[in-house]
Amino acid sequence: MVPCEKIVEVLELESQDPAFRGELRLTASLADADGGSEITILTRDLPTGIPSEYNLLGRKESLEKLAALLE
């Protein structure tokens, strides 16, 4: 973790189906932007059973909810 710049989170996904389990790494990078902050999230080691488009949709929905809370 780099205060105010970068957060790395490692999640251990558990499932009876091997396609949905494993270690998932999320790296959030924060930067100053006009009128606020910009966040970039990089996902690594996404289990093969989780389609990348579902991951992107979930990430988008989470960021929209965060933005609504901060407005």
N, C-alpha and C. Protein backbone atom coordinates (compact mmCIF):
# COMPACT_ATOMS: atom_id res chain seq x y z
N MET A 1 0.85 -1.18 0.00
CA MET A 1 0.00 0.00 0.00
C MET A 1 0.89 1.24 0.00
N VAL A 2 0.56 2.17 -0.84
CA VAL A 2 1.21 3.47 -0.87
C VAL A 2 0.12 4.48 -0.48
N PRO A 3 0.24 5.09 0.71
CA PRO A 3 -0.82 5.99 1.16
C PRO A 3 -1.20 7.02 0.11
N CYS A 4 -2.50 7.15 -0.10
CA CYS A 4 -3.10 8.12 -1.02
C CYS A 4 -2.75 7.89 -2.49
N GLU A 5 -2.13 6.74 -2.83
CA GLU A 5 -1.77 6.48 -4.22
C GLU A 5 -2.15 5.09 -4.72
N LYS A 6 -1.90 4.06 -3.90
CA LYS A 6 -2.07 2.70 -4.40
C LYS A 6 -2.47 1.75 -3.27
N ILE A 7 -3.46 0.90 -3.59
CA ILE A 7 -3.92 -0.13 -2.65
C ILE A 7 -3.93 -1.45 -3.40
N VAL A 8 -3.31 -2.47 -2.82
CA VAL A 8 -3.32 -3.81 -3.40
C VAL A 8 -4.06 -4.73 -2.44
N GLU A 9 -5.07 -5.41 -2.96
CA GLU A 9 -5.87 -6.33 -2.16
C GLU A 9 -5.81 -7.71 -2.80
N VAL A 10 -5.56 -8.71 -1.98
CA VAL A 10 -5.54 -10.09 -2.46
C VAL A 10 -6.70 -10.83 -1.80
N LEU A 11 -7.57 -11.39 -2.63
CA LEU A 11 -8.74 -12.11 -2.13
C LEU A 11 -8.57 -13.59 -2.44
N GLU A 12 -8.88 -14.42 -1.48
CA GLU A 12 -8.86 -15.87 -1.69
C GLU A 12 -10.30 -16.30 -1.95
N LEU A 13 -10.58 -16.67 -3.19
CA LEU A 13 -11.93 -17.09 -3.56
C LEU A 13 -12.06 -18.59 -3.33
N GLU A 14 -13.09 -18.97 -2.59
CA GLU A 14 -13.31 -20.37 -2.27
C GLU A 14 -14.56 -20.87 -2.99
N SER A 15 -14.46 -22.04 -3.58
CA SER A 15 -15.59 -22.65 -4.28
C SER A 15 -15.31 -24.14 -4.43
N GLN A 16 -16.38 -24.92 -4.50
CA GLN A 16 -16.20 -26.34 -4.78
C GLN A 16 -15.78 -26.55 -6.23
N ASP A 17 -16.11 -25.59 -7.07
CA ASP A 17 -15.75 -25.64 -8.50
C ASP A 17 -14.39 -24.98 -8.68
N PRO A 18 -13.38 -25.72 -9.13
CA PRO A 18 -12.05 -25.15 -9.30
C PRO A 18 -11.99 -23.94 -10.24
N ALA A 19 -12.94 -23.83 -11.15
CA ALA A 19 -12.95 -22.71 -12.08
C ALA A 19 -13.28 -21.39 -11.40
N PHE A 20 -13.82 -21.44 -10.18
CA PHE A 20 -14.22 -20.24 -9.47
C PHE A 20 -13.39 -19.98 -8.22
N ARG A 21 -12.35 -20.73 -8.00
CA ARG A 21 -11.55 -20.50 -6.80
C ARG A 21 -10.12 -20.10 -7.17
N GLY A 22 -9.46 -19.53 -6.20
CA GLY A 22 -8.08 -19.10 -6.38
C GLY A 22 -7.85 -17.75 -5.77
N GLU A 23 -6.67 -17.24 -6.00
CA GLU A 23 -6.27 -15.95 -5.47
C GLU A 23 -6.50 -14.88 -6.52
N LEU A 24 -7.22 -13.86 -6.16
CA LEU A 24 -7.55 -12.74 -7.04
C LEU A 24 -6.86 -11.50 -6.50
N ARG A 25 -6.15 -10.79 -7.35
CA ARG A 25 -5.42 -9.60 -6.91
C ARG A 25 -6.03 -8.36 -7.56
N LEU A 26 -6.37 -7.38 -6.72
CA LEU A 26 -6.91 -6.10 -7.18
C LEU A 26 -5.93 -5.00 -6.80
N THR A 27 -5.58 -4.17 -7.76
CA THR A 27 -4.70 -3.04 -7.51
C THR A 27 -5.45 -1.77 -7.88
N ALA A 28 -5.68 -0.92 -6.90
CA ALA A 28 -6.35 0.35 -7.12
C ALA A 28 -5.31 1.47 -7.06
N SER A 29 -5.24 2.25 -8.13
CA SER A 29 -4.33 3.38 -8.19
C SER A 29 -5.15 4.67 -8.19
N LEU A 30 -4.74 5.61 -7.35
CA LEU A 30 -5.46 6.88 -7.20
C LEU A 30 -4.60 8.02 -7.72
N ALA A 31 -5.25 8.96 -8.41
CA ALA A 31 -4.53 10.12 -8.93
C ALA A 31 -5.44 11.34 -8.84
N ASP A 32 -4.83 12.51 -8.70
CA ASP A 32 -5.59 13.75 -8.72
C ASP A 32 -6.17 13.96 -10.10
N ALA A 33 -7.37 14.50 -10.14
CA ALA A 33 -8.04 14.83 -11.40
C ALA A 33 -8.79 16.13 -11.21
N ASP A 34 -9.17 16.76 -12.30
CA ASP A 34 -9.93 18.00 -12.20
C ASP A 34 -11.19 17.78 -11.37
N GLY A 35 -11.30 18.49 -10.29
CA GLY A 35 -12.50 18.42 -9.46
C GLY A 35 -12.61 17.18 -8.59
N GLY A 36 -11.57 16.39 -8.48
CA GLY A 36 -11.67 15.20 -7.63
C GLY A 36 -10.50 14.26 -7.80
N SER A 37 -10.82 12.98 -7.84
CA SER A 37 -9.81 11.94 -7.95
C SER A 37 -10.17 10.96 -9.06
N GLU A 38 -9.16 10.35 -9.61
CA GLU A 38 -9.34 9.31 -10.61
C GLU A 38 -8.87 7.99 -10.00
N ILE A 39 -9.65 6.95 -10.16
CA ILE A 39 -9.26 5.64 -9.66
C ILE A 39 -9.18 4.67 -10.83
N THR A 40 -8.12 3.90 -10.85
CA THR A 40 -7.93 2.86 -11.86
C THR A 40 -7.77 1.54 -11.12
N ILE A 41 -8.54 0.54 -11.52
CA ILE A 41 -8.47 -0.76 -10.85
C ILE A 41 -8.01 -1.81 -11.85
N LEU A 42 -6.95 -2.51 -11.48
CA LEU A 42 -6.41 -3.59 -12.29
C LEU A 42 -6.70 -4.91 -11.59
N THR A 43 -7.29 -5.84 -12.31
CA THR A 43 -7.61 -7.17 -11.77
C THR A 43 -6.63 -8.18 -12.36
N ARG A 44 -6.02 -8.97 -11.51
CA ARG A 44 -5.11 -10.03 -11.96
C ARG A 44 -5.56 -11.35 -11.38
N ASP A 45 -5.25 -12.40 -12.12
CA ASP A 45 -5.53 -13.77 -11.67
C ASP A 45 -7.02 -14.03 -11.47
N LEU A 46 -7.84 -13.49 -12.34
CA LEU A 46 -9.27 -13.74 -12.30
C LEU A 46 -9.51 -15.22 -12.60
N PRO A 47 -10.24 -15.93 -11.73
CA PRO A 47 -10.50 -17.34 -11.99
C PRO A 47 -11.15 -17.55 -13.35
N THR A 48 -10.83 -18.64 -13.99
CA THR A 48 -11.30 -18.91 -15.36
C THR A 48 -12.82 -19.01 -15.46
N GLY A 49 -13.50 -19.33 -14.37
CA GLY A 49 -14.95 -19.46 -14.40
C GLY A 49 -15.69 -18.14 -14.36
N ILE A 50 -14.99 -17.05 -14.09
CA ILE A 50 -15.61 -15.73 -14.02
C ILE A 50 -15.29 -14.99 -15.32
N PRO A 51 -16.29 -14.77 -16.17
CA PRO A 51 -16.05 -14.06 -17.42
C PRO A 51 -15.55 -12.63 -17.14
N SER A 52 -14.58 -12.18 -17.90
CA SER A 52 -14.02 -10.85 -17.67
C SER A 52 -15.07 -9.76 -17.80
N GLU A 53 -16.07 -9.95 -18.68
CA GLU A 53 -17.10 -8.91 -18.81
C GLU A 53 -17.95 -8.81 -17.54
N TYR A 54 -18.15 -9.92 -16.81
CA TYR A 54 -18.87 -9.86 -15.54
C TYR A 54 -18.04 -9.13 -14.50
N ASN A 55 -16.74 -9.36 -14.52
CA ASN A 55 -15.84 -8.67 -13.61
C ASN A 55 -15.89 -7.17 -13.88
N LEU A 56 -15.83 -6.77 -15.14
CA LEU A 56 -15.89 -5.36 -15.49
C LEU A 56 -17.22 -4.73 -15.09
N LEU A 57 -18.31 -5.44 -15.31
CA LEU A 57 -19.63 -4.94 -14.93
C LEU A 57 -19.71 -4.74 -13.40
N GLY A 58 -19.24 -5.71 -12.64
CA GLY A 58 -19.25 -5.59 -11.19
C GLY A 58 -18.41 -4.44 -10.70
N ARG A 59 -17.24 -4.25 -11.30
CA ARG A 59 -16.35 -3.15 -10.94
C ARG A 59 -17.03 -1.82 -11.24
N LYS A 60 -17.66 -1.72 -12.43
CA LYS A 60 -18.35 -0.49 -12.84
C LYS A 60 -19.48 -0.16 -11.86
N GLU A 61 -20.28 -1.15 -11.51
CA GLU A 61 -21.38 -0.92 -10.57
C GLU A 61 -20.87 -0.48 -9.21
N SER A 62 -19.80 -1.09 -8.74
CA SER A 62 -19.22 -0.71 -7.45
C SER A 62 -18.74 0.73 -7.45
N LEU A 63 -18.06 1.13 -8.53
CA LEU A 63 -17.57 2.51 -8.60
C LEU A 63 -18.70 3.51 -8.74
N GLU A 64 -19.77 3.16 -9.43
CA GLU A 64 -20.93 4.04 -9.53
C GLU A 64 -21.58 4.24 -8.15
N LYS A 65 -21.67 3.16 -7.37
CA LYS A 65 -22.24 3.28 -6.02
C LYS A 65 -21.35 4.13 -5.13
N LEU A 66 -20.03 3.96 -5.26
CA LEU A 66 -19.10 4.78 -4.48
C LEU A 66 -19.24 6.26 -4.86
N ALA A 67 -19.32 6.54 -6.15
CA ALA A 67 -19.48 7.92 -6.61
C ALA A 67 -20.77 8.54 -6.07
N ALA A 68 -21.85 7.77 -6.06
CA ALA A 68 -23.13 8.27 -5.55
C ALA A 68 -23.03 8.61 -4.06
N LEU A 69 -22.30 7.81 -3.31
CA LEU A 69 -22.13 8.10 -1.89
C LEU A 69 -21.31 9.35 -1.64
N LEU A 70 -20.39 9.63 -2.53
CA LEU A 70 -19.48 10.77 -2.33
C LEU A 70 -20.00 12.08 -2.89
N GLU A 71 -21.10 12.02 -3.64
CA GLU A 71 -21.64 13.24 -4.24
C GLU A 71 -22.37 14.08 -3.21
